[in-house]
All heavy atoms as atom14 arrays in JSON, in Angstrom:
{
  "sequence": "CGKITGAIPTGLFDNCPLVTDFSFVFEDCSGLTGSIPVGLFDK",
  "atom14_mask": [
    [1, 1, 1, 1, 1, 1, 0, 0, 0, 0, 0, 0, 0, 0],
    [1, 1, 1, 1, 0, 0, 0, 0, 0, 0, 0, 0, 0, 0],
    [1, 1, 1, 1, 1, 1, 1, 1, 1, 0, 0, 0, 0, 0],
    [1, 1, 1, 1, 1, 1, 1, 1, 0, 0, 0, 0, 0, 0],
    [1, 1, 1, 1, 1, 1, 1, 0, 0, 0, 0, 0, 0, 0],
    [1, 1, 1, 1, 0, 0, 0, 0, 0, 0, 0, 0, 0, 0],
    [1, 1, 1, 1, 1, 0, 0, 0, 0, 0, 0, 0, 0, 0],
    [1, 1, 1, 1, 1, 1, 1, 1, 0, 0, 0, 0, 0, 0],
    [1, 1, 1, 1, 1, 1, 1, 0, 0, 0, 0, 0, 0, 0],
    [1, 1, 1, 1, 1, 1, 1, 0, 0, 0, 0, 0, 0, 0],
    [1, 1, 1, 1, 0, 0, 0, 0, 0, 0, 0, 0, 0, 0],
    [1, 1, 1, 1, 1, 1, 1, 1, 0, 0, 0, 0, 0, 0],
    [1, 1, 1, 1, 1, 1, 1, 1, 1, 1, 1, 0, 0, 0],
    [1, 1, 1, 1, 1, 1, 1, 1, 0, 0, 0, 0, 0, 0],
    [1, 1, 1, 1, 1, 1, 1, 1, 0, 0, 0, 0, 0, 0],
    [1, 1, 1, 1, 1, 1, 0, 0, 0, 0, 0, 0, 0, 0],
    [1, 1, 1, 1, 1, 1, 1, 0, 0, 0, 0, 0, 0, 0],
    [1, 1, 1, 1, 1, 1, 1, 1, 0, 0, 0, 0, 0, 0],
    [1, 1, 1, 1, 1, 1, 1, 0, 0, 0, 0, 0, 0, 0],
    [1, 1, 1, 1, 1, 1, 1, 0, 0, 0, 0, 0, 0, 0],
    [1, 1, 1, 1, 1, 1, 1, 1, 0, 0, 0, 0, 0, 0],
    [1, 1, 1, 1, 1, 1, 1, 1, 1, 1, 1, 0, 0, 0],
    [1, 1, 1, 1, 1, 1, 0, 0, 0, 0, 0, 0, 0, 0],
    [1, 1, 1, 1, 1, 1, 1, 1, 1, 1, 1, 0, 0, 0],
    [1, 1, 1, 1, 1, 1, 1, 0, 0, 0, 0, 0, 0, 0],
    [1, 1, 1, 1, 1, 1, 1, 1, 1, 1, 1, 0, 0, 0],
    [1, 1, 1, 1, 1, 1, 1, 1, 1, 0, 0, 0, 0, 0],
    [1, 1, 1, 1, 1, 1, 1, 1, 0, 0, 0, 0, 0, 0],
    [1, 1, 1, 1, 1, 1, 0, 0, 0, 0, 0, 0, 0, 0],
    [1, 1, 1, 1, 1, 1, 0, 0, 0, 0, 0, 0, 0, 0],
    [1, 1, 1, 1, 0, 0, 0, 0, 0, 0, 0, 0, 0, 0],
    [1, 1, 1, 1, 1, 1, 1, 1, 0, 0, 0, 0, 0, 0],
    [1, 1, 1, 1, 1, 1, 1, 0, 0, 0, 0, 0, 0, 0],
    [1, 1, 1, 1, 0, 0, 0, 0, 0, 0, 0, 0, 0, 0],
    [1, 1, 1, 1, 1, 1, 0, 0, 0, 0, 0, 0, 0, 0],
    [1, 1, 1, 1, 1, 1, 1, 1, 0, 0, 0, 0, 0, 0],
    [1, 1, 1, 1, 1, 1, 1, 0, 0, 0, 0, 0, 0, 0],
    [1, 1, 1, 1, 1, 1, 1, 0, 0, 0, 0, 0, 0, 0],
    [1, 1, 1, 1, 0, 0, 0, 0, 0, 0, 0, 0, 0, 0],
    [1, 1, 1, 1, 1, 1, 1, 1, 0, 0, 0, 0, 0, 0],
    [1, 1, 1, 1, 1, 1, 1, 1, 1, 1, 1, 0, 0, 0],
    [1, 1, 1, 1, 1, 1, 1, 1, 0, 0, 0, 0, 0, 0],
    [1, 1, 1, 1, 1, 1, 1, 1, 1, 0, 0, 0, 0, 0]
  ],
  "atom14_positions": [
    [[0.83, -1.23, -0.03], [0.06, 0.03, 0.02], [0.98, 1.22, 0.02], [1.01, 1.82, 1.05], [-1.0, 0.07, 1.17], [-2.18, -1.3, 1.15], [0.0, 0.0, 0.0], [0.0, 0.0, 0.0], [0.0, 0.0, 0.0], [0.0, 0.0, 0.0], [0.0, 0.0, 0.0], [0.0, 0.0, 0.0], [0.0, 0.0, 0.0], [0.0, 0.0, 0.0]],
    [[1.54, 1.5, -1.14], [2.57, 2.45, -1.17], [2.13, 3.91, -1.13], [2.86, 4.91, -0.83], [0.0, 0.0, 0.0], [0.0, 0.0, 0.0], [0.0, 0.0, 0.0], [0.0, 0.0, 0.0], [0.0, 0.0, 0.0], [0.0, 0.0, 0.0], [0.0, 0.0, 0.0], [0.0, 0.0, 0.0], [0.0, 0.0, 0.0], [0.0, 0.0, 0.0]],
    [[0.81, 4.23, -1.22], [0.35, 5.55, -1.18], [-0.25, 5.87, 0.13], [-0.67, 7.07, 0.37], [-0.68, 5.76, -2.32], [-0.1, 5.73, -3.68], [-1.17, 6.09, -4.72], [-0.48, 6.02, -6.08], [-1.49, 6.2, -7.22], [0.0, 0.0, 0.0], [0.0, 0.0, 0.0], [0.0, 0.0, 0.0], [0.0, 0.0, 0.0], [0.0, 0.0, 0.0]],
    [[-0.35, 4.99, 1.01], [-0.68, 5.24, 2.48], [0.31, 6.2, 3.08], [1.56, 5.76, 2.93], [-0.98, 3.99, 3.31], [-2.39, 3.37, 2.82], [-1.16, 4.38, 4.77], [-2.62, 2.05, 3.58], [0.0, 0.0, 0.0], [0.0, 0.0, 0.0], [0.0, 0.0, 0.0], [0.0, 0.0, 0.0], [0.0, 0.0, 0.0], [0.0, 0.0, 0.0]],
    [[-0.05, 7.23, 3.53], [1.03, 8.17, 4.11], [0.81, 8.51, 5.63], [0.01, 7.85, 6.38], [0.86, 9.52, 3.44], [-0.42, 10.07, 3.62], [1.2, 9.33, 1.9], [0.0, 0.0, 0.0], [0.0, 0.0, 0.0], [0.0, 0.0, 0.0], [0.0, 0.0, 0.0], [0.0, 0.0, 0.0], [0.0, 0.0, 0.0], [0.0, 0.0, 0.0]],
    [[1.64, 9.29, 6.13], [1.61, 9.65, 7.55], [2.31, 8.71, 8.42], [2.91, 7.67, 7.99], [0.0, 0.0, 0.0], [0.0, 0.0, 0.0], [0.0, 0.0, 0.0], [0.0, 0.0, 0.0], [0.0, 0.0, 0.0], [0.0, 0.0, 0.0], [0.0, 0.0, 0.0], [0.0, 0.0, 0.0], [0.0, 0.0, 0.0], [0.0, 0.0, 0.0]],
    [[2.2, 8.9, 9.75], [2.86, 8.0, 10.74], [2.05, 6.75, 11.01], [0.89, 6.88, 10.88], [3.16, 8.81, 11.84], [0.0, 0.0, 0.0], [0.0, 0.0, 0.0], [0.0, 0.0, 0.0], [0.0, 0.0, 0.0], [0.0, 0.0, 0.0], [0.0, 0.0, 0.0], [0.0, 0.0, 0.0], [0.0, 0.0, 0.0], [0.0, 0.0, 0.0]],
    [[2.7, 5.72, 11.52], [2.05, 4.55, 12.08], [1.48, 5.06, 13.4], [2.2, 5.65, 14.28], [2.96, 3.47, 12.38], [3.58, 3.0, 11.01], [2.2, 2.25, 12.98], [4.72, 2.0, 11.15], [0.0, 0.0, 0.0], [0.0, 0.0, 0.0], [0.0, 0.0, 0.0], [0.0, 0.0, 0.0], [0.0, 0.0, 0.0], [0.0, 0.0, 0.0]],
    [[0.15, 4.9, 13.63], [-0.55, 5.45, 14.8], [0.05, 4.79, 16.09], [0.29, 3.44, 16.2], [-1.93, 5.02, 14.7], [-2.16, 4.88, 13.2], [-0.89, 4.38, 12.74], [0.0, 0.0, 0.0], [0.0, 0.0, 0.0], [0.0, 0.0, 0.0], [0.0, 0.0, 0.0], [0.0, 0.0, 0.0], [0.0, 0.0, 0.0], [0.0, 0.0, 0.0]],
    [[0.29, 5.58, 17.12], [0.75, 5.06, 18.43], [-0.23, 4.14, 19.02], [-1.45, 4.39, 18.86], [1.02, 6.27, 19.39], [2.06, 7.13, 18.81], [1.5, 5.81, 20.82], [0.0, 0.0, 0.0], [0.0, 0.0, 0.0], [0.0, 0.0, 0.0], [0.0, 0.0, 0.0], [0.0, 0.0, 0.0], [0.0, 0.0, 0.0], [0.0, 0.0, 0.0]],
    [[0.09, 3.02, 19.45], [-0.83, 2.1, 20.16], [-1.69, 1.35, 19.2], [-2.76, 0.89, 19.52], [0.0, 0.0, 0.0], [0.0, 0.0, 0.0], [0.0, 0.0, 0.0], [0.0, 0.0, 0.0], [0.0, 0.0, 0.0], [0.0, 0.0, 0.0], [0.0, 0.0, 0.0], [0.0, 0.0, 0.0], [0.0, 0.0, 0.0], [0.0, 0.0, 0.0]],
    [[-1.32, 1.26, 17.82], [-2.15, 0.6, 16.91], [-2.5, -0.74, 17.23], [-3.63, -1.25, 16.9], [-1.4, 0.61, 15.53], [-2.16, 0.02, 14.37], [-3.41, 0.85, 14.01], [-1.26, 0.03, 13.04], [0.0, 0.0, 0.0], [0.0, 0.0, 0.0], [0.0, 0.0, 0.0], [0.0, 0.0, 0.0], [0.0, 0.0, 0.0], [0.0, 0.0, 0.0]],
    [[-1.72, -1.51, 17.92], [-1.92, -2.95, 18.23], [-2.15, -3.17, 19.7], [-2.09, -4.25, 20.2], [-0.69, -3.78, 17.67], [-0.45, -3.61, 16.24], [0.77, -3.08, 15.79], [-1.48, -4.02, 15.24], [1.06, -2.96, 14.48], [-1.06, -3.82, 13.98], [0.14, -3.2, 13.48], [0.0, 0.0, 0.0], [0.0, 0.0, 0.0], [0.0, 0.0, 0.0]],
    [[-2.35, -2.08, 20.44], [-2.48, -2.24, 21.91], [-3.6, -3.14, 22.48], [-3.43, -3.75, 23.43], [-2.62, -0.88, 22.61], [-1.29, -0.14, 22.75], [-0.37, -0.57, 22.38], [-1.4, 1.07, 23.4], [0.0, 0.0, 0.0], [0.0, 0.0, 0.0], [0.0, 0.0, 0.0], [0.0, 0.0, 0.0], [0.0, 0.0, 0.0], [0.0, 0.0, 0.0]],
    [[-4.61, -3.32, 21.7], [-5.69, -4.1, 22.07], [-5.67, -5.41, 21.38], [-6.77, -6.09, 21.37], [-7.03, -3.37, 21.93], [-7.27, -2.24, 22.85], [-6.41, -2.05, 23.69], [-8.28, -1.46, 22.67], [0.0, 0.0, 0.0], [0.0, 0.0, 0.0], [0.0, 0.0, 0.0], [0.0, 0.0, 0.0], [0.0, 0.0, 0.0], [0.0, 0.0, 0.0]],
    [[-4.61, -5.85, 20.95], [-4.46, -7.1, 20.18], [-3.46, -8.03, 20.88], [-2.34, -8.41, 20.25], [-4.16, -6.81, 18.7], [-5.35, -5.67, 17.92], [0.0, 0.0, 0.0], [0.0, 0.0, 0.0], [0.0, 0.0, 0.0], [0.0, 0.0, 0.0], [0.0, 0.0, 0.0], [0.0, 0.0, 0.0], [0.0, 0.0, 0.0], [0.0, 0.0, 0.0]],
    [[-3.67, -8.51, 22.02], [-2.66, -9.29, 22.69], [-2.31, -10.66, 22.32], [-1.38, -11.34, 22.6], [-3.12, -9.24, 24.17], [-4.61, -9.2, 24.05], [-4.86, -8.31, 22.91], [0.0, 0.0, 0.0], [0.0, 0.0, 0.0], [0.0, 0.0, 0.0], [0.0, 0.0, 0.0], [0.0, 0.0, 0.0], [0.0, 0.0, 0.0], [0.0, 0.0, 0.0]],
    [[-3.3, -11.28, 21.4], [-3.3, -12.72, 20.97], [-2.43, -12.76, 19.65], [-2.2, -13.9, 19.2], [-4.63, -13.21, 20.88], [-5.53, -13.1, 22.09], [-6.87, -13.71, 21.81], [-4.9, -13.89, 23.29], [0.0, 0.0, 0.0], [0.0, 0.0, 0.0], [0.0, 0.0, 0.0], [0.0, 0.0, 0.0], [0.0, 0.0, 0.0], [0.0, 0.0, 0.0]],
    [[-2.1, -11.63, 19.05], [-1.4, -11.8, 17.79], [-0.1, -12.56, 17.81], [0.85, -12.37, 18.65], [-1.13, -10.41, 17.14], [-0.33, -10.58, 15.77], [-2.41, -9.57, 17.04], [0.0, 0.0, 0.0], [0.0, 0.0, 0.0], [0.0, 0.0, 0.0], [0.0, 0.0, 0.0], [0.0, 0.0, 0.0], [0.0, 0.0, 0.0], [0.0, 0.0, 0.0]],
    [[0.06, -13.5, 16.97], [1.27, -14.31, 16.77], [2.19, -13.92, 15.52], [3.34, -14.04, 15.48], [1.03, -15.77, 16.77], [0.3, -16.04, 15.63], [0.37, -16.26, 18.07], [0.0, 0.0, 0.0], [0.0, 0.0, 0.0], [0.0, 0.0, 0.0], [0.0, 0.0, 0.0], [0.0, 0.0, 0.0], [0.0, 0.0, 0.0], [0.0, 0.0, 0.0]],
    [[1.44, -13.41, 14.59], [2.17, -13.13, 13.22], [1.98, -11.74, 12.75], [0.85, -11.18, 12.4], [1.43, -14.13, 12.31], [2.32, -14.18, 10.94], [3.3, -13.4, 10.78], [2.04, -15.13, 10.13], [0.0, 0.0, 0.0], [0.0, 0.0, 0.0], [0.0, 0.0, 0.0], [0.0, 0.0, 0.0], [0.0, 0.0, 0.0], [0.0, 0.0, 0.0]],
    [[3.06, -11.03, 12.75], [3.18, -9.73, 12.19], [3.95, -9.63, 10.86], [4.36, -8.55, 10.5], [3.82, -8.67, 13.11], [2.87, -8.26, 14.25], [2.99, -8.71, 15.54], [1.9, -7.32, 14.0], [2.18, -8.19, 16.58], [1.07, -6.85, 15.06], [1.19, -7.23, 16.39], [0.0, 0.0, 0.0], [0.0, 0.0, 0.0], [0.0, 0.0, 0.0]],
    [[4.19, -10.73, 10.34], [5.1, -10.83, 9.08], [4.58, -9.92, 7.91], [3.38, -10.06, 7.61], [5.31, -12.16, 8.64], [4.12, -12.93, 8.38], [0.0, 0.0, 0.0], [0.0, 0.0, 0.0], [0.0, 0.0, 0.0], [0.0, 0.0, 0.0], [0.0, 0.0, 0.0], [0.0, 0.0, 0.0], [0.0, 0.0, 0.0], [0.0, 0.0, 0.0]],
    [[5.38, -9.03, 7.36], [5.14, -8.3, 6.14], [3.97, -7.22, 6.24], [3.41, -6.83, 5.41], [4.75, -9.23, 4.99], [5.72, -10.3, 4.69], [5.5, -11.55, 5.25], [6.72, -10.22, 3.9], [6.46, -12.69, 4.92], [7.65, -11.11, 3.55], [7.5, -12.35, 4.05], [0.0, 0.0, 0.0], [0.0, 0.0, 0.0], [0.0, 0.0, 0.0]],
    [[3.56, -7.04, 7.57], [2.46, -6.03, 7.79], [2.6, -4.78, 6.97], [1.59, -4.33, 6.19], [2.35, -5.62, 9.31], [1.22, -4.6, 9.45], [1.97, -6.87, 10.07], [0.0, 0.0, 0.0], [0.0, 0.0, 0.0], [0.0, 0.0, 0.0], [0.0, 0.0, 0.0], [0.0, 0.0, 0.0], [0.0, 0.0, 0.0], [0.0, 0.0, 0.0]],
    [[3.78, -4.03, 6.98], [3.87, -2.82, 6.35], [4.8, -2.93, 5.11], [5.31, -1.87, 4.7], [4.34, -1.73, 7.29], [3.4, -1.56, 8.48], [3.83, -1.94, 9.73], [2.18, -0.92, 8.28], [3.15, -1.77, 10.88], [1.43, -0.79, 9.42], [1.85, -1.12, 10.77], [0.0, 0.0, 0.0], [0.0, 0.0, 0.0], [0.0, 0.0, 0.0]],
    [[5.09, -4.03, 4.63], [6.16, -4.19, 3.6], [5.77, -3.35, 2.4], [4.68, -3.31, 1.88], [6.37, -5.67, 3.2], [7.37, -5.79, 2.04], [7.74, -7.19, 1.68], [7.22, -8.08, 2.38], [8.49, -7.34, 0.6], [0.0, 0.0, 0.0], [0.0, 0.0, 0.0], [0.0, 0.0, 0.0], [0.0, 0.0, 0.0], [0.0, 0.0, 0.0]],
    [[6.78, -2.54, 1.93], [6.68, -1.65, 0.79], [5.57, -0.56, 0.96], [5.02, 0.03, 0.02], [6.36, -2.54, -0.49], [7.62, -3.23, -0.94], [8.64, -2.95, -0.64], [7.41, -4.4, -1.52], [0.0, 0.0, 0.0], [0.0, 0.0, 0.0], [0.0, 0.0, 0.0], [0.0, 0.0, 0.0], [0.0, 0.0, 0.0], [0.0, 0.0, 0.0]],
    [[5.4, -0.19, 2.23], [4.58, 0.9, 2.45], [5.5, 2.18, 2.54], [5.87, 2.8, 3.61], [3.73, 0.81, 3.8], [2.46, -0.35, 3.74], [0.0, 0.0, 0.0], [0.0, 0.0, 0.0], [0.0, 0.0, 0.0], [0.0, 0.0, 0.0], [0.0, 0.0, 0.0], [0.0, 0.0, 0.0], [0.0, 0.0, 0.0], [0.0, 0.0, 0.0]],
    [[6.05, 2.49, 1.39], [7.06, 3.5, 1.29], [6.63, 5.01, 1.64], [7.33, 5.82, 1.86], [7.67, 3.55, -0.24], [6.73, 3.72, -1.06], [0.0, 0.0, 0.0], [0.0, 0.0, 0.0], [0.0, 0.0, 0.0], [0.0, 0.0, 0.0], [0.0, 0.0, 0.0], [0.0, 0.0, 0.0], [0.0, 0.0, 0.0], [0.0, 0.0, 0.0]],
    [[5.18, 5.12, 1.64], [4.75, 6.46, 1.98], [4.61, 6.65, 3.45], [4.39, 7.91, 3.87], [0.0, 0.0, 0.0], [0.0, 0.0, 0.0], [0.0, 0.0, 0.0], [0.0, 0.0, 0.0], [0.0, 0.0, 0.0], [0.0, 0.0, 0.0], [0.0, 0.0, 0.0], [0.0, 0.0, 0.0], [0.0, 0.0, 0.0], [0.0, 0.0, 0.0]],
    [[4.78, 5.73, 4.27], [4.75, 5.9, 5.78], [5.97, 6.69, 6.12], [6.98, 6.66, 5.6], [4.81, 4.58, 6.41], [3.6, 3.68, 6.46], [3.81, 2.4, 7.06], [2.35, 4.32, 7.0], [0.0, 0.0, 0.0], [0.0, 0.0, 0.0], [0.0, 0.0, 0.0], [0.0, 0.0, 0.0], [0.0, 0.0, 0.0], [0.0, 0.0, 0.0]],
    [[5.62, 7.73, 7.07], [6.76, 8.7, 7.45], [6.86, 8.7, 9.03], [6.05, 8.07, 9.68], [6.39, 9.99, 6.99], [5.18, 10.45, 7.45], [6.41, 10.14, 5.48], [0.0, 0.0, 0.0], [0.0, 0.0, 0.0], [0.0, 0.0, 0.0], [0.0, 0.0, 0.0], [0.0, 0.0, 0.0], [0.0, 0.0, 0.0], [0.0, 0.0, 0.0]],
    [[7.74, 9.48, 9.5], [7.99, 9.52, 10.87], [8.72, 8.34, 11.56], [9.24, 7.51, 10.82], [0.0, 0.0, 0.0], [0.0, 0.0, 0.0], [0.0, 0.0, 0.0], [0.0, 0.0, 0.0], [0.0, 0.0, 0.0], [0.0, 0.0, 0.0], [0.0, 0.0, 0.0], [0.0, 0.0, 0.0], [0.0, 0.0, 0.0], [0.0, 0.0, 0.0]],
    [[8.86, 8.42, 12.75], [9.51, 7.28, 13.51], [8.57, 6.19, 13.84], [7.37, 6.35, 13.8], [10.06, 7.82, 14.77], [10.98, 8.93, 14.66], [0.0, 0.0, 0.0], [0.0, 0.0, 0.0], [0.0, 0.0, 0.0], [0.0, 0.0, 0.0], [0.0, 0.0, 0.0], [0.0, 0.0, 0.0], [0.0, 0.0, 0.0], [0.0, 0.0, 0.0]],
    [[9.14, 5.0, 14.05], [8.35, 3.86, 14.51], [7.92, 4.17, 15.96], [8.69, 4.64, 16.71], [9.2, 2.61, 14.53], [9.67, 2.28, 13.07], [8.39, 1.39, 15.18], [10.69, 1.12, 13.06], [0.0, 0.0, 0.0], [0.0, 0.0, 0.0], [0.0, 0.0, 0.0], [0.0, 0.0, 0.0], [0.0, 0.0, 0.0], [0.0, 0.0, 0.0]],
    [[6.63, 4.08, 16.22], [6.07, 4.52, 17.55], [6.79, 3.69, 18.73], [6.9, 2.5, 18.64], [4.56, 4.21, 17.53], [4.19, 4.2, 15.96], [5.46, 3.67, 15.42], [0.0, 0.0, 0.0], [0.0, 0.0, 0.0], [0.0, 0.0, 0.0], [0.0, 0.0, 0.0], [0.0, 0.0, 0.0], [0.0, 0.0, 0.0], [0.0, 0.0, 0.0]],
    [[7.11, 4.51, 19.82], [7.62, 3.83, 20.97], [6.48, 2.79, 21.49], [5.34, 3.26, 21.65], [7.96, 4.75, 21.98], [8.31, 4.1, 23.43], [9.12, 5.61, 21.57], [0.0, 0.0, 0.0], [0.0, 0.0, 0.0], [0.0, 0.0, 0.0], [0.0, 0.0, 0.0], [0.0, 0.0, 0.0], [0.0, 0.0, 0.0], [0.0, 0.0, 0.0]],
    [[6.86, 1.55, 21.95], [5.89, 0.74, 22.52], [4.85, 0.1, 21.54], [3.85, -0.34, 21.98], [0.0, 0.0, 0.0], [0.0, 0.0, 0.0], [0.0, 0.0, 0.0], [0.0, 0.0, 0.0], [0.0, 0.0, 0.0], [0.0, 0.0, 0.0], [0.0, 0.0, 0.0], [0.0, 0.0, 0.0], [0.0, 0.0, 0.0], [0.0, 0.0, 0.0]],
    [[5.12, 0.2, 20.2], [4.16, -0.3, 19.29], [3.68, -1.8, 19.51], [2.64, -2.15, 19.31], [4.73, -0.23, 17.82], [3.83, -0.54, 16.63], [2.64, 0.24, 16.66], [4.67, -0.61, 15.26], [0.0, 0.0, 0.0], [0.0, 0.0, 0.0], [0.0, 0.0, 0.0], [0.0, 0.0, 0.0], [0.0, 0.0, 0.0], [0.0, 0.0, 0.0]],
    [[4.58, -2.59, 19.98], [4.23, -4.03, 20.2], [4.27, -4.4, 21.7], [4.22, -5.63, 22.11], [5.36, -5.01, 19.41], [5.47, -4.53, 18.03], [6.74, -4.07, 17.56], [4.48, -4.61, 17.21], [6.83, -3.66, 16.2], [4.52, -4.41, 15.75], [5.83, -3.87, 15.32], [0.0, 0.0, 0.0], [0.0, 0.0, 0.0], [0.0, 0.0, 0.0]],
    [[4.28, -3.45, 22.57], [4.3, -3.83, 24.01], [3.21, -4.69, 24.59], [3.5, -5.51, 25.39], [4.19, -2.42, 24.86], [5.54, -1.71, 24.93], [6.5, -2.14, 24.28], [5.63, -0.66, 25.66], [0.0, 0.0, 0.0], [0.0, 0.0, 0.0], [0.0, 0.0, 0.0], [0.0, 0.0, 0.0], [0.0, 0.0, 0.0], [0.0, 0.0, 0.0]],
    [[2.01, -4.63, 23.9], [1.02, -5.5, 24.44], [0.86, -6.77, 23.74], [0.05, -7.63, 24.11], [-0.31, -4.66, 24.37], [-0.31, -3.29, 24.96], [-0.14, -3.46, 26.46], [-0.08, -2.14, 27.17], [-1.21, -1.3, 27.13], [0.0, 0.0, 0.0], [0.0, 0.0, 0.0], [0.0, 0.0, 0.0], [0.0, 0.0, 0.0], [0.0, 0.0, 0.0]]
  ]
}
């Protein structure tokens, strides 16, 4: 999804504690900007 822009939202996965597979989630999202959010995978 190369035209999706902006930053990855903070806490995007906070309510998803059962996830086992994050492979390739944002691959080739070249339009994403900013830093990787602190604590993105904490939960």
